[in-house]
Protein backbone atom coordinates (compact mmCIF):
# COMPACT_ATOMS: atom_id res chain seq x y z
CA MET A 1 41.12 -23.66 -31.85
CA ASN A 2 43.11 -20.94 -30.03
CA ALA A 3 46.59 -20.01 -30.95
CA GLN A 4 49.37 -20.44 -28.43
CA ARG A 5 51.60 -17.28 -28.55
CA ILE A 6 54.88 -18.20 -26.95
CA ASN A 7 57.79 -16.14 -26.16
CA PRO A 8 60.51 -18.70 -24.52
CA PRO A 9 62.53 -17.17 -21.67
CA SER A 10 65.92 -18.10 -23.37
CA LEU A 11 64.99 -15.75 -26.31
CA PRO A 12 65.09 -12.14 -26.23
CA THR A 13 61.85 -10.50 -25.20
CA PRO A 14 60.23 -9.11 -28.06
CA ALA A 15 60.60 -5.15 -28.05
CA ALA A 16 57.54 -4.80 -30.21
CA ALA A 17 54.06 -6.11 -30.35
CA TYR A 18 54.80 -9.76 -31.91
CA SER A 19 55.38 -13.18 -30.47
CA GLN A 20 58.64 -15.25 -31.09
CA VAL A 21 56.74 -18.41 -32.33
CA VAL A 22 52.93 -19.41 -32.80
CA ARG A 23 51.55 -22.68 -32.96
CA LYS A 24 47.92 -23.52 -34.00
CA GLY A 25 47.05 -26.86 -34.59
CA SER A 26 49.72 -28.60 -36.18
CA LEU A 27 51.21 -25.35 -37.78
CA VAL A 28 54.09 -23.81 -36.05
CA ILE A 29 55.39 -20.43 -37.19
CA THR A 30 58.32 -18.53 -36.03
CA ALA A 31 59.40 -14.68 -35.95
CA GLY A 32 62.32 -13.79 -37.75
CA GLN A 33 65.13 -14.98 -35.37
CA ILE A 34 68.38 -13.02 -35.30
CA ALA A 35 71.68 -13.61 -33.42
CA PHE A 36 70.96 -12.18 -30.06
CA ASP A 37 71.34 -14.28 -26.89
CA ALA A 38 68.92 -14.75 -24.10
CA ASP A 39 70.31 -11.18 -22.56
CA SER A 40 69.70 -9.37 -25.89
CA ASN A 41 73.73 -9.35 -26.72
CA LEU A 42 74.57 -9.64 -30.23
CA VAL A 43 76.68 -12.55 -31.05
CA GLY A 44 79.43 -12.67 -33.81
CA GLU A 45 79.60 -8.98 -34.57
CA GLY A 46 80.64 -9.08 -38.37
CA ASP A 47 80.90 -12.81 -38.65
CA ILE A 48 78.31 -14.31 -40.92
CA GLY A 49 79.13 -17.93 -39.43
CA ALA A 50 78.55 -16.91 -35.87
CA GLN A 51 75.45 -14.92 -36.45
CA THR A 52 73.86 -17.75 -38.61
CA ARG A 53 74.73 -20.32 -35.97
CA GLN A 54 73.04 -18.15 -33.16
CA THR A 55 70.22 -17.41 -35.38
CA LEU A 56 69.65 -21.04 -36.04
CA GLU A 57 70.07 -21.89 -32.23
CA ASN A 58 67.39 -19.31 -31.59
CA LEU A 59 65.16 -20.89 -34.26
CA LYS A 60 65.68 -24.16 -32.60
CA THR A 61 64.47 -22.97 -29.12
CA ALA A 62 61.46 -21.18 -30.63
CA LEU A 63 60.51 -24.32 -32.30
CA GLU A 64 60.74 -26.47 -29.31
CA ALA A 65 58.96 -24.32 -27.26
CA ALA A 66 56.00 -24.99 -29.38
CA GLY A 67 56.54 -28.76 -29.40
CA SER A 68 58.38 -28.78 -32.74
CA SER A 69 62.04 -29.22 -33.97
CA LEU A 70 64.20 -28.65 -37.28
CA ASP A 71 62.82 -31.66 -38.51
CA ASP A 72 59.58 -30.35 -38.91
CA VAL A 73 60.51 -27.28 -40.73
CA VAL A 74 58.66 -27.09 -44.34
CA LYS A 75 59.81 -23.81 -45.09
CA VAL A 76 62.26 -21.05 -44.47
CA THR A 77 63.07 -17.67 -45.12
CA VAL A 78 66.53 -16.20 -44.79
CA PHE A 79 67.08 -12.63 -44.95
CA LEU A 80 70.82 -11.19 -45.55
CA SER A 81 71.78 -7.84 -45.16
CA ASP A 82 73.87 -8.16 -48.28
CA MET A 83 74.31 -11.12 -50.66
CA ILE A 84 77.91 -11.29 -50.10
CA TYR A 85 77.14 -13.18 -46.95
CA TYR A 86 75.37 -16.10 -48.95
CA GLN A 87 78.22 -18.70 -48.89
CA GLY A 88 78.89 -18.34 -45.14
CA MET A 89 75.60 -18.37 -44.18
CA ASN A 90 74.79 -21.16 -46.48
CA THR A 91 77.79 -23.30 -45.11
CA VAL A 92 76.28 -23.10 -41.53
CA PHE A 93 72.53 -23.67 -42.69
CA ASN A 94 73.48 -26.88 -44.31
CA GLU A 95 75.07 -28.15 -40.97
CA TYR A 96 71.55 -27.52 -39.38
CA PHE A 97 69.65 -29.14 -42.31
CA GLN A 98 71.76 -31.68 -43.50
CA GLY A 99 69.94 -34.43 -45.39
CA ARG A 100 66.45 -32.86 -44.78
CA PRO A 101 66.67 -29.39 -46.32
CA PRO A 102 63.13 -27.34 -46.27
CA ALA A 103 61.79 -25.22 -49.17
CA ARG A 104 63.75 -21.87 -48.67
CA SER A 105 63.98 -18.29 -50.10
CA THR A 106 66.74 -16.18 -49.46
CA VAL A 107 66.73 -12.45 -49.98
CA GLN A 108 68.73 -9.30 -49.40
CA SER A 109 66.87 -7.08 -47.14
CA GLY A 110 67.74 -4.31 -44.83
CA LEU A 111 67.65 -5.65 -41.36
CA VAL A 112 66.54 -3.67 -38.21
CA LEU A 113 70.00 -3.12 -36.83
CA PRO A 114 72.88 -2.31 -39.13
CA SER A 115 75.01 -4.92 -37.00
CA LEU A 116 73.11 -7.68 -38.10
CA LEU A 117 73.84 -9.86 -41.16
CA VAL A 118 71.27 -12.26 -41.18
CA GLU A 119 67.59 -13.19 -39.96
CA ILE A 120 65.59 -16.22 -40.58
CA GLU A 121 62.05 -17.11 -40.07
CA ALA A 122 60.36 -20.75 -40.49
CA ILE A 123 57.13 -22.54 -40.70
CA ALA A 124 56.94 -26.09 -39.38
CA VAL A 125 54.09 -28.67 -39.58
CA VAL A 126 53.78 -31.16 -36.59
CA ASP A 127 52.37 -34.48 -36.95
């Protein structure tokens, strides 16, 4: 069974050797999504709520390109540039996963750009 490697046109084109989302059978795995729009512009500089919302919209786009959705997500990893952003991220995160939260890890990590506050990756299983 071959893996589908997908880079949706409405997401920024990867600047390195990776795919935005990969599907193999019923398993869908996304790359870490960040708060860039399709033109590679940062959305919400300095605003954790706006960055989390754009990041989760990008995650939805990646999942949908592989025939999946947020409903299929079983695990996410959230990377925060600083844990002071946890509450703001969590408020928006709960809007997107209300009533069906996946397993989740949240860690503080240096992100690829200093202006990024959050990055989120996901694993989904499609029936």
